[in-house]
Structures are given as structure tokens and as C-alpha cells.
């Protein structure tokens, strides 16, 4: 729900005439400089729409040793690695679907439409 509100805030700022030509990107990264006591780092999601960014914590924890920044995935074939990668993929799909719904017919969805 939190990323819904963040996306709505960004989309609300975007002008209607630029909506159909907007750029949309999702980036996953980890906070390597903020490793927790358990040795894991938080996975952060950055959504960029027309150059405007919002980021939020995905609530997934990843070992910095197994994170591949280029592919934005966990390296390995273990059950844990597959599970984390699946959760990242599901989050990416949900964000993509949300973006598609918000931009359908070039219409901006306001905060009141979500409440």
C-alpha cells in the first residue's frame, strides 16, 4: 500500500500531456553500508517516472555477498535465493501493473481514488 501512495504522489506531479510519453523504471539495490547484525542488508526499491524518484524498503533482507547489482537479483540456486528472487519479481510485476492501471487512457489517478 505504501508504494501505491508514493507512485500516486509522483504521478500527480506529472503533467497530463506528458503522461503517454512518460518513462518508467524500477531499480532494486541493497544498502551495503548499512548491514544489520545478522549480516543481511535491506533491499531498496527505487521507482523513477519521468525523472522523478521515490524509494522504499522492500522489507526483504539479502546477504551482500550473494547480491548481483547488475542483474538486481540474488546469486545462487538455494531455496532462499530462489524465494528472494521470486519475491523481487512479484514486486516488480505489481509495480508494473499498478503503473499500467494508473496511466490507462492517459488519466491521472488522484489520492482520493485510492482512499
PDB file of N, CA and C in Angstrom:
ATOM      1  N   UNK A   1       0.815  -1.197   0.000  1.00  0.00           N
ATOM      2  CA  UNK A   1       0.000   0.000   0.000  1.00  0.00           C
ATOM      3  C   UNK A   1       0.853   1.253   0.000  1.00  0.00           C
ATOM      4  N   UNK A   2       2.016   1.176   0.696  1.00  0.00           N
ATOM      5  CA  UNK A   2       2.865   2.346   0.770  1.00  0.00           C
ATOM      6  C   UNK A   2       3.374   2.749  -0.607  1.00  0.00           C
ATOM      7  N   UNK A   3       3.776   1.761  -1.451  1.00  0.00           N
ATOM      8  CA  UNK A   3       4.279   2.138  -2.758  1.00  0.00           C
ATOM      9  C   UNK A   3       3.165   2.657  -3.651  1.00  0.00           C
ATOM     10  N   UNK A   4       1.902   2.271  -3.397  1.00  0.00           N
ATOM     11  CA  UNK A   4       0.780   2.827  -4.137  1.00  0.00           C
ATOM     12  C   UNK A   4       0.733   4.338  -3.925  1.00  0.00           C
ATOM     13  N   UNK A   5       0.823   4.757  -2.683  1.00  0.00           N
ATOM     14  CA  UNK A   5       0.742   6.182  -2.369  1.00  0.00           C
ATOM     15  C   UNK A   5       1.936   6.945  -2.918  1.00  0.00           C
ATOM     16  N   UNK A   6       3.127   6.343  -2.869  1.00  0.00           N
ATOM     17  CA  UNK A   6       4.301   7.000  -3.413  1.00  0.00           C
ATOM     18  C   UNK A   6       4.174   7.192  -4.920  1.00  0.00           C
ATOM     19  N   UNK A   7       3.702   6.166  -5.614  1.00  0.00           N
ATOM     20  CA  UNK A   7       3.512   6.286  -7.052  1.00  0.00           C
ATOM     21  C   UNK A   7       2.446   7.323  -7.393  1.00  0.00           C
ATOM     22  N   UNK A   8       1.381   7.350  -6.620  1.00  0.00           N
ATOM     23  CA  UNK A   8       0.322   8.326  -6.857  1.00  0.00           C
ATOM     24  C   UNK A   8       0.874   9.735  -6.689  1.00  0.00           C
ATOM     25  N   UNK A   9       1.702   9.951  -5.668  1.00  0.00           N
ATOM     26  CA  UNK A   9       2.310  11.260  -5.460  1.00  0.00           C
ATOM     27  C   UNK A   9       3.150  11.667  -6.659  1.00  0.00           C
ATOM     28  N   UNK A  10       3.955  10.751  -7.175  1.00  0.00           N
ATOM     29  CA  UNK A  10       4.803  11.076  -8.329  1.00  0.00           C
ATOM     30  C   UNK A  10       3.950  11.327  -9.560  1.00  0.00           C
ATOM     31  N   UNK A  11       2.960  10.471  -9.786  1.00  0.00           N
ATOM     32  CA  UNK A  11       2.126  10.623 -10.970  1.00  0.00           C
ATOM     33  C   UNK A  11       1.288  11.893 -10.916  1.00  0.00           C
ATOM     34  N   UNK A  12       0.894  12.286  -9.736  1.00  0.00           N
ATOM     35  CA  UNK A  12       0.102  13.502  -9.592  1.00  0.00           C
ATOM     36  C   UNK A  12       0.903  14.728 -10.027  1.00  0.00           C
ATOM     37  N   UNK A  13       2.219  14.697  -9.799  1.00  0.00           N
ATOM     38  CA  UNK A  13       3.084  15.810 -10.179  1.00  0.00           C
ATOM     39  C   UNK A  13       3.271  15.870 -11.690  1.00  0.00           C
ATOM     40  N   UNK A  14       3.243  14.724 -12.338  1.00  0.00           N
ATOM     41  CA  UNK A  14       3.482  14.653 -13.777  1.00  0.00           C
ATOM     42  C   UNK A  14       2.336  15.301 -14.552  1.00  0.00           C
ATOM     43  N   UNK A  15       2.681  16.079 -15.585  1.00  0.00           N
ATOM     44  CA  UNK A  15       1.655  16.756 -16.379  1.00  0.00           C
ATOM     45  C   UNK A  15       0.924  15.762 -17.278  1.00  0.00           C
ATOM     46  N   UNK A  16      -0.352  16.021 -17.513  1.00  0.00           N
ATOM     47  CA  UNK A  16      -1.187  15.121 -18.313  1.00  0.00           C
ATOM     48  C   UNK A  16      -0.659  14.969 -19.729  1.00  0.00           C
ATOM     49  N   UNK A  17      -0.212  16.039 -20.375  1.00  0.00           N
ATOM     50  CA  UNK A  17       0.212  15.935 -21.767  1.00  0.00           C
ATOM     51  C   UNK A  17       1.466  15.091 -21.940  1.00  0.00           C
ATOM     52  N   UNK A  18       2.260  14.926 -20.884  1.00  0.00           N
ATOM     53  CA  UNK A  18       3.460  14.103 -20.968  1.00  0.00           C
ATOM     54  C   UNK A  18       3.207  12.671 -20.518  1.00  0.00           C
ATOM     55  N   UNK A  19       2.023  12.387 -20.088  1.00  0.00           N
ATOM     56  CA  UNK A  19       1.723  11.102 -19.493  1.00  0.00           C
ATOM     57  C   UNK A  19       1.929   9.931 -20.446  1.00  0.00           C
ATOM     58  N   UNK A  20       1.457  10.048 -21.653  1.00  0.00           N
ATOM     59  CA  UNK A  20       1.557   8.935 -22.590  1.00  0.00           C
ATOM     60  C   UNK A  20       3.009   8.689 -23.012  1.00  0.00           C
ATOM     61  N   UNK A  21       3.881   9.679 -22.862  1.00  0.00           N
ATOM     62  CA  UNK A  21       5.271   9.547 -23.247  1.00  0.00           C
ATOM     63  C   UNK A  21       6.168   9.349 -22.038  1.00  0.00           C
ATOM     64  N   UNK A  22       5.600   9.087 -20.898  1.00  0.00           N
ATOM     65  CA  UNK A  22       6.384   9.029 -19.674  1.00  0.00           C
ATOM     66  C   UNK A  22       7.329   7.836 -19.671  1.00  0.00           C
ATOM     67  N   UNK A  23       8.412   7.985 -18.917  1.00  0.00           N
ATOM     68  CA  UNK A  23       9.352   6.901 -18.735  1.00  0.00           C
ATOM     69  C   UNK A  23       9.116   6.289 -17.369  1.00  0.00           C
ATOM     70  N   UNK A  24       9.325   5.010 -17.282  1.00  0.00           N
ATOM     71  CA  UNK A  24       9.065   4.278 -16.050  1.00  0.00           C
ATOM     72  C   UNK A  24      10.189   3.273 -15.859  1.00  0.00           C
ATOM     73  N   UNK A  25      10.802   3.279 -14.673  1.00  0.00           N
ATOM     74  CA  UNK A  25      11.887   2.349 -14.402  1.00  0.00           C
ATOM     75  C   UNK A  25      11.840   1.895 -12.945  1.00  0.00           C
ATOM     76  N   UNK A  26      12.189   0.641 -12.728  1.00  0.00           N
ATOM     77  CA  UNK A  26      12.259   0.073 -11.387  1.00  0.00           C
ATOM     78  C   UNK A  26      13.681  -0.429 -11.178  1.00  0.00           C
ATOM     79  N   UNK A  27      14.263  -0.057 -10.050  1.00  0.00           N
ATOM     80  CA  UNK A  27      15.616  -0.478  -9.719  1.00  0.00           C
ATOM     81  C   UNK A  27      15.622  -1.067  -8.315  1.00  0.00           C
ATOM     82  N   UNK A  28      16.262  -2.227  -8.178  1.00  0.00           N
ATOM     83  CA  UNK A  28      16.459  -2.834  -6.866  1.00  0.00           C
ATOM     84  C   UNK A  28      17.928  -2.695  -6.503  1.00  0.00           C
ATOM     85  N   UNK A  29      18.200  -2.315  -5.274  1.00  0.00           N
ATOM     86  CA  UNK A  29      19.576  -2.292  -4.783  1.00  0.00           C
ATOM     87  C   UNK A  29      19.569  -2.572  -3.288  1.00  0.00           C
ATOM     88  N   UNK A  30      20.741  -2.859  -2.755  1.00  0.00           N
ATOM     89  CA  UNK A  30      20.824  -3.113  -1.320  1.00  0.00           C
ATOM     90  C   UNK A  30      21.679  -2.033  -0.667  1.00  0.00           C
ATOM     91  N   UNK A  31      21.446  -1.836   0.622  1.00  0.00           N
ATOM     92  CA  UNK A  31      22.224  -0.875   1.400  1.00  0.00           C
ATOM     93  C   UNK A  31      23.462  -1.589   1.954  1.00  0.00           C
ATOM     94  N   UNK A  32      24.506  -1.646   1.164  1.00  0.00           N
ATOM     95  CA  UNK A  32      25.735  -2.335   1.567  1.00  0.00           C
ATOM     96  C   UNK A  32      26.401  -1.667   2.764  1.00  0.00           C
ATOM     97  N   UNK A  33      26.222  -0.371   2.912  1.00  0.00           N
ATOM     98  CA  UNK A  33      26.861   0.340   4.019  1.00  0.00           C
ATOM     99  C   UNK A  33      26.030   0.290   5.301  1.00  0.00           C
ATOM    100  N   UNK A  34      24.898  -0.390   5.265  1.00  0.00           N
ATOM    101  CA  UNK A  34      24.021  -0.469   6.431  1.00  0.00           C
ATOM    102  C   UNK A  34      23.630  -1.934   6.702  1.00  0.00           C
ATOM    103  N   UNK A  35      24.659  -2.772   6.847  1.00  0.00           N
ATOM    104  CA  UNK A  35      24.430  -4.192   7.099  1.00  0.00           C
ATOM    105  C   UNK A  35      24.006  -4.376   8.554  1.00  0.00           C
ATOM    106  N   UNK A  36      22.993  -5.173   8.751  1.00  0.00           N
ATOM    107  CA  UNK A  36      22.461  -5.413  10.100  1.00  0.00           C
ATOM    108  C   UNK A  36      23.322  -6.422  10.863  1.00  0.00           C
ATOM    109  N   UNK A  37      23.027  -6.600  12.127  1.00  0.00           N
ATOM    110  CA  UNK A  37      23.804  -7.519  12.976  1.00  0.00           C
ATOM    111  C   UNK A  37      23.770  -8.953  12.472  1.00  0.00           C
ATOM    112  N   UNK A  38      22.677  -9.309  11.792  1.00  0.00           N
ATOM    113  CA  UNK A  38      22.563 -10.675  11.267  1.00  0.00           C
ATOM    114  C   UNK A  38      23.343 -10.867   9.966  1.00  0.00           C
ATOM    115  N   UNK A  39      24.036  -9.814   9.498  1.00  0.00           N
ATOM    116  CA  UNK A  39      24.847  -9.904   8.289  1.00  0.00           C
ATOM    117  C   UNK A  39      24.087  -9.644   7.006  1.00  0.00           C
ATOM    118  N   UNK A  40      22.804  -9.293   7.115  1.00  0.00           N
ATOM    119  CA  UNK A  40      21.976  -9.053   5.936  1.00  0.00           C
ATOM    120  C   UNK A  40      21.751  -7.559   5.723  1.00  0.00           C
ATOM    121  N   UNK A  41      21.512  -7.181   4.487  1.00  0.00           N
ATOM    122  CA  UNK A  41      21.261  -5.785   4.131  1.00  0.00           C
ATOM    123  C   UNK A  41      19.842  -5.645   3.593  1.00  0.00           C
ATOM    124  N   UNK A  42      19.277  -4.483   3.786  1.00  0.00           N
ATOM    125  CA  UNK A  42      17.918  -4.219   3.297  1.00  0.00           C
ATOM    126  C   UNK A  42      17.922  -4.042   1.785  1.00  0.00           C
ATOM    127  N   UNK A  43      16.906  -4.575   1.140  1.00  0.00           N
ATOM    128  CA  UNK A  43      16.713  -4.393  -0.294  1.00  0.00           C
ATOM    129  C   UNK A  43      15.795  -3.186  -0.495  1.00  0.00           C
ATOM    130  N   UNK A  44      16.257  -2.233  -1.282  1.00  0.00           N
ATOM    131  CA  UNK A  44      15.535  -0.997  -1.523  1.00  0.00           C
ATOM    132  C   UNK A  44      15.010  -0.993  -2.957  1.00  0.00           C
ATOM    133  N   UNK A  45      13.819  -0.447  -3.136  1.00  0.00           N
ATOM    134  CA  UNK A  45      13.210  -0.328  -4.462  1.00  0.00           C
ATOM    135  C   UNK A  45      13.179   1.145  -4.830  1.00  0.00           C
ATOM    136  N   UNK A  46      13.698   1.480  -5.997  1.00  0.00           N
ATOM    137  CA  UNK A  46      13.625   2.848  -6.497  1.00  0.00           C
ATOM    138  C   UNK A  46      12.765   2.843  -7.765  1.00  0.00           C
ATOM    139  N   UNK A  47      11.705   3.619  -7.747  1.00  0.00           N
ATOM    140  CA  UNK A  47      10.824   3.762  -8.905  1.00  0.00           C
ATOM    141  C   UNK A  47      11.051   5.156  -9.470  1.00  0.00           C
ATOM    142  N   UNK A  48      11.324   5.230 -10.765  1.00  0.00           N
ATOM    143  CA  UNK A  48      11.538   6.513 -11.429  1.00  0.00           C
ATOM    144  C   UNK A  48      10.500   6.673 -12.525  1.00  0.00           C
ATOM    145  N   UNK A  49       9.795   7.787 -12.480  1.00  0.00           N
ATOM    146  CA  UNK A  49       8.811   8.119 -13.513  1.00  0.00           C
ATOM    147  C   UNK A  49       9.112   9.537 -13.975  1.00  0.00           C
ATOM    148  N   UNK A  50       9.431   9.675 -15.255  1.00  0.00           N
ATOM    149  CA  UNK A  50       9.777  10.972 -15.832  1.00  0.00           C
ATOM    150  C   UNK A  50      10.844  11.700 -15.026  1.00  0.00           C
ATOM    151  N   UNK A  51      11.838  10.956 -14.558  1.00  0.00           N
ATOM    152  CA  UNK A  51      12.936  11.560 -13.830  1.00  0.00           C
ATOM    153  C   UNK A  51      12.655  11.841 -12.366  1.00  0.00           C
ATOM    154  N   UNK A  52      11.449  11.619 -11.910  1.00  0.00           N
ATOM    155  CA  UNK A  52      11.094  11.822 -10.501  1.00  0.00           C
ATOM    156  C   UNK A  52      11.188  10.484  -9.789  1.00  0.00           C
ATOM    157  N   UNK A  53      11.916  10.467  -8.678  1.00  0.00           N
ATOM    158  CA  UNK A  53      12.182   9.218  -7.973  1.00  0.00           C
ATOM    159  C   UNK A  53      11.427   9.110  -6.661  1.00  0.00           C
ATOM    160  N   UNK A  54      11.105   7.876  -6.327  1.00  0.00           N
ATOM    161  CA  UNK A  54      10.669   7.550  -4.973  1.00  0.00           C
ATOM    162  C   UNK A  54      11.314   6.218  -4.634  1.00  0.00           C
ATOM    163  N   UNK A  55      11.660   6.046  -3.392  1.00  0.00           N
ATOM    164  CA  UNK A  55      12.261   4.791  -2.965  1.00  0.00           C
ATOM    165  C   UNK A  55      11.616   4.333  -1.675  1.00  0.00           C
ATOM    166  N   UNK A  56      11.619   3.041  -1.502  1.00  0.00           N
ATOM    167  CA  UNK A  56      11.072   2.461  -0.283  1.00  0.00           C
ATOM    168  C   UNK A  56      11.747   1.127  -0.016  1.00  0.00           C
ATOM    169  N   UNK A  57      11.690   0.712   1.227  1.00  0.00           N
ATOM    170  CA  UNK A  57      12.275  -0.546   1.650  1.00  0.00           C
ATOM    171  C   UNK A  57      11.334  -1.679   1.248  1.00  0.00           C
ATOM    172  N   UNK A  58      11.876  -2.680   0.576  1.00  0.00           N
ATOM    173  CA  UNK A  58      11.053  -3.816   0.142  1.00  0.00           C
ATOM    174  C   UNK A  58      10.761  -4.771   1.294  1.00  0.00           C
ATOM    175  N   UNK A  59      11.398  -4.556   2.436  1.00  0.00           N
ATOM    176  CA  UNK A  59      11.278  -5.424   3.614  1.00  0.00           C
ATOM    177  C   UNK A  59      11.918  -6.792   3.392  1.00  0.00           C
ATOM    178  N   UNK A  60      12.712  -6.920   2.328  1.00  0.00           N
ATOM    179  CA  UNK A  60      13.455  -8.153   2.087  1.00  0.00           C
ATOM    180  C   UNK A  60      14.899  -7.929   2.514  1.00  0.00           C
ATOM    181  N   UNK A  61      15.497  -8.924   3.157  1.00  0.00           N
ATOM    182  CA  UNK A  61      16.882  -8.835   3.596  1.00  0.00           C
ATOM    183  C   UNK A  61      17.734  -9.800   2.778  1.00  0.00           C
ATOM    184  N   UNK A  62      18.889  -9.295   2.330  1.00  0.00           N
ATOM    185  CA  UNK A  62      19.745 -10.037   1.417  1.00  0.00           C
ATOM    186  C   UNK A  62      21.180 -10.020   1.938  1.00  0.00           C
ATOM    187  N   UNK A  63      21.884 -11.116   1.763  1.00  0.00           N
ATOM    188  CA  UNK A  63      23.307 -11.150   2.086  1.00  0.00           C
ATOM    189  C   UNK A  63      24.066 -10.361   1.011  1.00  0.00           C
ATOM    190  N   UNK A  64      24.872  -9.381   1.404  1.00  0.00           N
ATOM    191  CA  UNK A  64      25.621  -8.604   0.411  1.00  0.00           C
ATOM    192  C   UNK A  64      26.530  -9.467  -0.462  1.00  0.00           C
ATOM    193  N   UNK A  65      26.987 -10.607   0.063  1.00  0.00           N
ATOM    194  CA  UNK A  65      27.861 -11.495  -0.703  1.00  0.00           C
ATOM    195  C   UNK A  65      27.138 -12.173  -1.861  1.00  0.00           C
ATOM    196  N   UNK A  66      25.835 -12.327  -1.759  1.00  0.00           N
ATOM    197  CA  UNK A  66      25.087 -13.031  -2.809  1.00  0.00           C
ATOM    198  C   UNK A  66      24.321 -12.088  -3.732  1.00  0.00           C
ATOM    199  N   UNK A  67      24.416 -10.774  -3.509  1.00  0.00           N
ATOM    200  CA  UNK A  67      23.661  -9.817  -4.323  1.00  0.00           C
ATOM    201  C   UNK A  67      24.442  -9.459  -5.580  1.00  0.00           C
ATOM    202  N   UNK A  68      23.783  -9.536  -6.734  1.00  0.00           N
ATOM    203  CA  UNK A  68      24.367  -9.114  -8.016  1.00  0.00           C
ATOM    204  C   UNK A  68      23.680  -7.826  -8.441  1.00  0.00           C
ATOM    205  N   UNK A  69      24.398  -6.713  -8.387  1.00  0.00           N
ATOM    206  CA  UNK A  69      23.806  -5.416  -8.687  1.00  0.00           C
ATOM    207  C   UNK A  69      23.431  -5.277 -10.164  1.00  0.00           C
ATOM    208  N   UNK A  70      24.187  -5.908 -11.048  1.00  0.00           N
ATOM    209  CA  UNK A  70      23.895  -5.800 -12.478  1.00  0.00           C
ATOM    210  C   UNK A  70      22.542  -6.433 -12.809  1.00  0.00           C
ATOM    211  N   UNK A  71      22.328  -7.641 -12.319  1.00  0.00           N
ATOM    212  CA  UNK A  71      21.052  -8.315 -12.603  1.00  0.00           C
ATOM    213  C   UNK A  71      19.977  -7.964 -11.579  1.00  0.00           C
ATOM    214  N   UNK A  72      20.366  -7.283 -10.499  1.00  0.00           N
ATOM    215  CA  UNK A  72      19.452  -6.895  -9.426  1.00  0.00           C
ATOM    216  C   UNK A  72      18.737  -8.119  -8.850  1.00  0.00           C
ATOM    217  N   UNK A  73      19.509  -9.154  -8.622  1.00  0.00           N
ATOM    218  CA  UNK A  73      18.988 -10.418  -8.122  1.00  0.00           C
ATOM    219  C   UNK A  73      19.989 -11.041  -7.160  1.00  0.00           C
ATOM    220  N   UNK A  74      19.526 -12.053  -6.436  1.00  0.00           N
ATOM    221  CA  UNK A  74      20.383 -12.834  -5.564  1.00  0.00           C
ATOM    222  C   UNK A  74      21.006 -13.950  -6.394  1.00  0.00           C
ATOM    223  N   UNK A  75      22.309 -14.130  -6.228  1.00  0.00           N
ATOM    224  CA  UNK A  75      23.024 -15.181  -6.954  1.00  0.00           C
ATOM    225  C   UNK A  75      22.847 -16.494  -6.198  1.00  0.00           C
ATOM    226  N   UNK A  76      22.645 -17.560  -6.931  1.00  0.00           N
ATOM    227  CA  UNK A  76      22.579 -18.879  -6.308  1.00  0.00           C
ATOM    228  C   UNK A  76      21.305 -19.615  -6.664  1.00  0.00           C
ATOM    229  N   UNK A  77      21.331 -20.898  -6.306  1.00  0.00           N
ATOM    230  CA  UNK A  77      20.185 -21.771  -6.599  1.00  0.00           C
ATOM    231  C   UNK A  77      19.562 -22.338  -5.333  1.00  0.00           C
ATOM    232  N   UNK A  78      19.948 -21.778  -4.209  1.00  0.00           N
ATOM    233  CA  UNK A  78      19.384 -22.272  -2.950  1.00  0.00           C
ATOM    234  C   UNK A  78      17.909 -21.892  -2.861  1.00  0.00           C
ATOM    235  N   UNK A  79      17.216 -22.528  -1.966  1.00  0.00           N
ATOM    236  CA  UNK A  79      15.795 -22.244  -1.770  1.00  0.00           C
ATOM    237  C   UNK A  79      15.615 -20.778  -1.369  1.00  0.00           C
ATOM    238  N   UNK A  80      16.499 -20.301  -0.486  1.00  0.00           N
ATOM    239  CA  UNK A  80      16.432 -18.907  -0.025  1.00  0.00           C
ATOM    240  C   UNK A  80      16.643 -17.942  -1.190  1.00  0.00           C
ATOM    241  N   UNK A  81      17.630 -18.197  -2.039  1.00  0.00           N
ATOM    242  CA  UNK A  81      17.906 -17.328  -3.189  1.00  0.00           C
ATOM    243  C   UNK A  81      16.732 -17.326  -4.163  1.00  0.00           C
ATOM    244  N   UNK A  82      16.190 -18.490  -4.445  1.00  0.00           N
ATOM    245  CA  UNK A  82      15.047 -18.580  -5.352  1.00  0.00           C
ATOM    246  C   UNK A  82      13.831 -17.863  -4.780  1.00  0.00           C
ATOM    247  N   UNK A  83      13.628 -17.998  -3.481  1.00  0.00           N
ATOM    248  CA  UNK A  83      12.497 -17.349  -2.827  1.00  0.00           C
ATOM    249  C   UNK A  83      12.624 -15.820  -2.888  1.00  0.00           C
ATOM    250  N   UNK A  84      13.816 -15.308  -2.582  1.00  0.00           N
ATOM    251  CA  UNK A  84      14.036 -13.857  -2.645  1.00  0.00           C
ATOM    252  C   UNK A  84      13.861 -13.334  -4.067  1.00  0.00           C
ATOM    253  N   UNK A  85      14.411 -14.045  -5.038  1.00  0.00           N
ATOM    254  CA  UNK A  85      14.280 -13.614  -6.433  1.00  0.00           C
ATOM    255  C   UNK A  85      12.822 -13.629  -6.890  1.00  0.00           C
ATOM    256  N   UNK A  86      12.076 -14.616  -6.452  1.00  0.00           N
ATOM    257  CA  UNK A  86      10.657 -14.684  -6.788  1.00  0.00           C
ATOM    258  C   UNK A  86       9.907 -13.500  -6.182  1.00  0.00           C
ATOM    259  N   UNK A  87      10.214 -13.175  -4.933  1.00  0.00           N
ATOM    260  CA  UNK A  87       9.556 -12.039  -4.279  1.00  0.00           C
ATOM    261  C   UNK A  87       9.904 -10.718  -4.978  1.00  0.00           C
ATOM    262  N   UNK A  88      11.151 -10.562  -5.406  1.00  0.00           N
ATOM    263  CA  UNK A  88      11.546  -9.359  -6.146  1.00  0.00           C
ATOM    264  C   UNK A  88      10.807  -9.276  -7.480  1.00  0.00           C
ATOM    265  N   UNK A  89      10.693 -10.412  -8.166  1.00  0.00           N
ATOM    266  CA  UNK A  89       9.975 -10.448  -9.445  1.00  0.00           C
ATOM    267  C   UNK A  89       8.492 -10.118  -9.257  1.00  0.00           C
ATOM    268  N   UNK A  90       7.882 -10.639  -8.217  1.00  0.00           N
ATOM    269  CA  UNK A  90       6.471 -10.349  -7.946  1.00  0.00           C
ATOM    270  C   UNK A  90       6.262  -8.869  -7.651  1.00  0.00           C
ATOM    271  N   UNK A  91       7.179  -8.293  -6.891  1.00  0.00           N
ATOM    272  CA  UNK A  91       7.086  -6.866  -6.589  1.00  0.00           C
ATOM    273  C   UNK A  91       7.221  -6.036  -7.857  1.00  0.00           C
ATOM    274  N   UNK A  92       8.144  -6.420  -8.727  1.00  0.00           N
ATOM    275  CA  UNK A  92       8.316  -5.704  -9.992  1.00  0.00           C
ATOM    276  C   UNK A  92       7.049  -5.805 -10.842  1.00  0.00           C
ATOM    277  N   UNK A  93       6.438  -6.970 -10.873  1.00  0.00           N
ATOM    278  CA  UNK A  93       5.211  -7.143 -11.648  1.00  0.00           C
ATOM    279  C   UNK A  93       4.071  -6.310 -11.067  1.00  0.00           C
ATOM    280  N   UNK A  94       3.936  -6.284  -9.748  1.00  0.00           N
ATOM    281  CA  UNK A  94       2.884  -5.490  -9.115  1.00  0.00           C
ATOM    282  C   UNK A  94       3.056  -4.010  -9.420  1.00  0.00           C
ATOM    283  N   UNK A  95       4.290  -3.528  -9.362  1.00  0.00           N
ATOM    284  CA  UNK A  95       4.548  -2.120  -9.676  1.00  0.00           C
ATOM    285  C   UNK A  95       4.234  -1.815 -11.138  1.00  0.00           C
ATOM    286  N   UNK A  96       4.597  -2.737 -12.023  1.00  0.00           N
ATOM    287  CA  UNK A  96       4.302  -2.548 -13.444  1.00  0.00           C
ATOM    288  C   UNK A  96       2.805  -2.526 -13.722  1.00  0.00           C
ATOM    289  N   UNK A  97       2.076  -3.418 -13.083  1.00  0.00           N
ATOM    290  CA  UNK A  97       0.614  -3.455 -13.246  1.00  0.00           C
ATOM    291  C   UNK A  97      -0.005  -2.188 -12.688  1.00  0.00           C
ATOM    292  N   UNK A  98       0.474  -1.757 -11.540  1.00  0.00           N
ATOM    293  CA  UNK A  98      -0.038  -0.520 -10.940  1.00  0.00           C
ATOM    294  C   UNK A  98       0.212   0.670 -11.858  1.00  0.00           C
ATOM    295  N   UNK A  99       1.393   0.751 -12.416  1.00  0.00           N
ATOM    296  CA  UNK A  99       1.709   1.848 -13.334  1.00  0.00           C
ATOM    297  C   UNK A  99       0.794   1.808 -14.555  1.00  0.00           C
ATOM    298  N   UNK A 100       0.584   0.619 -15.096  1.00  0.00           N
ATOM    299  CA  UNK A 100      -0.303   0.484 -16.258  1.00  0.00           C
ATOM    300  C   UNK A 100      -1.720   0.937 -15.943  1.00  0.00           C
ATOM    301  N   UNK A 101      -2.204   0.552 -14.770  1.00  0.00           N
ATOM    302  CA  UNK A 101      -3.552   0.952 -14.367  1.00  0.00           C
ATOM    303  C   UNK A 101      -3.652   2.467 -14.183  1.00  0.00           C
ATOM    304  N   UNK A 102      -2.611   3.057 -13.594  1.00  0.00           N
ATOM    305  CA  UNK A 102      -2.640   4.494 -13.343  1.00  0.00           C
ATOM    306  C   UNK A 102      -2.538   5.316 -14.617  1.00  0.00           C
ATOM    307  N   UNK A 103      -1.874   4.790 -15.608  1.00  0.00           N
ATOM    308  CA  UNK A 103      -1.688   5.558 -16.842  1.00  0.00           C
ATOM    309  C   UNK A 103      -2.671   5.178 -17.950  1.00  0.00           C
ATOM    310  N   UNK A 104      -3.547   4.242 -17.680  1.00  0.00           N
ATOM    311  CA  UNK A 104      -4.515   3.826 -18.687  1.00  0.00           C
ATOM    312  C   UNK A 104      -5.302   5.026 -19.196  1.00  0.00           C
ATOM    313  N   UNK A 105      -5.405   5.147 -20.473  1.00  0.00           N
ATOM    314  CA  UNK A 105      -6.135   6.227 -21.126  1.00  0.00           C
ATOM    315  C   UNK A 105      -5.573   7.613 -20.803  1.00  0.00           C
ATOM    316  N   UNK A 106      -4.303   7.676 -20.384  1.00  0.00           N
ATOM    317  CA  UNK A 106      -3.679   8.966 -20.124  1.00  0.00           C
ATOM    318  C   UNK A 106      -4.281   9.717 -18.961  1.00  0.00           C
ATOM    319  N   UNK A 107      -4.881   9.020 -18.047  1.00  0.00           N
ATOM    320  CA  UNK A 107      -5.595   9.632 -16.927  1.00  0.00           C
ATOM    321  C   UNK A 107      -4.753   9.600 -15.665  1.00  0.00           C
ATOM    322  N   UNK A 108      -4.723  10.699 -14.937  1.00  0.00           N
ATOM    323  CA  UNK A 108      -4.020  10.715 -13.663  1.00  0.00           C
ATOM    324  C   UNK A 108      -4.990  10.315 -12.568  1.00  0.00           C
ATOM    325  N   UNK A 109      -4.563   9.400 -11.745  1.00  0.00           N
ATOM    326  CA  UNK A 109      -5.368   8.959 -10.624  1.00  0.00           C
ATOM    327  C   UNK A 109      -4.975   9.785  -9.421  1.00  0.00           C
ATOM    328  N   UNK A 110      -5.929  10.369  -8.746  1.00  0.00           N
ATOM    329  CA  UNK A 110      -5.616  11.201  -7.579  1.00  0.00           C
ATOM    330  C   UNK A 110      -5.636  10.353  -6.315  1.00  0.00           C
ATOM    331  N   UNK A 111      -5.133  10.937  -5.254  1.00  0.00           N
ATOM    332  CA  UNK A 111      -5.078  10.247  -3.960  1.00  0.00           C
ATOM    333  C   UNK A 111      -6.480   9.823  -3.523  1.00  0.00           C
ATOM    334  N   UNK A 112      -7.478  10.654  -3.799  1.00  0.00           N
ATOM    335  CA  UNK A 112      -8.836  10.344  -3.371  1.00  0.00           C
ATOM    336  C   UNK A 112      -9.380   9.085  -4.042  1.00  0.00           C
ATOM    337  N   UNK A 113      -8.834   8.718  -5.194  1.00  0.00           N
ATOM    338  CA  UNK A 113      -9.269   7.479  -5.861  1.00  0.00           C
ATOM    339  C   UNK A 113      -8.792   6.231  -5.109  1.00  0.00           C
ATOM    340  N   UNK A 114      -7.765   6.369  -4.262  1.00  0.00           N
ATOM    341  CA  UNK A 114      -7.195   5.243  -3.541  1.00  0.00           C
ATOM    342  C   UNK A 114      -7.784   5.086  -2.148  1.00  0.00           C
ATOM    343  N   UNK A 115      -8.366   6.147  -1.624  1.00  0.00           N
ATOM    344  CA  UNK A 115      -8.835   6.094  -0.243  1.00  0.00           C
ATOM    345  C   UNK A 115     -10.239   5.528  -0.173  1.00  0.00           C
TER     346      UNK A 115
END
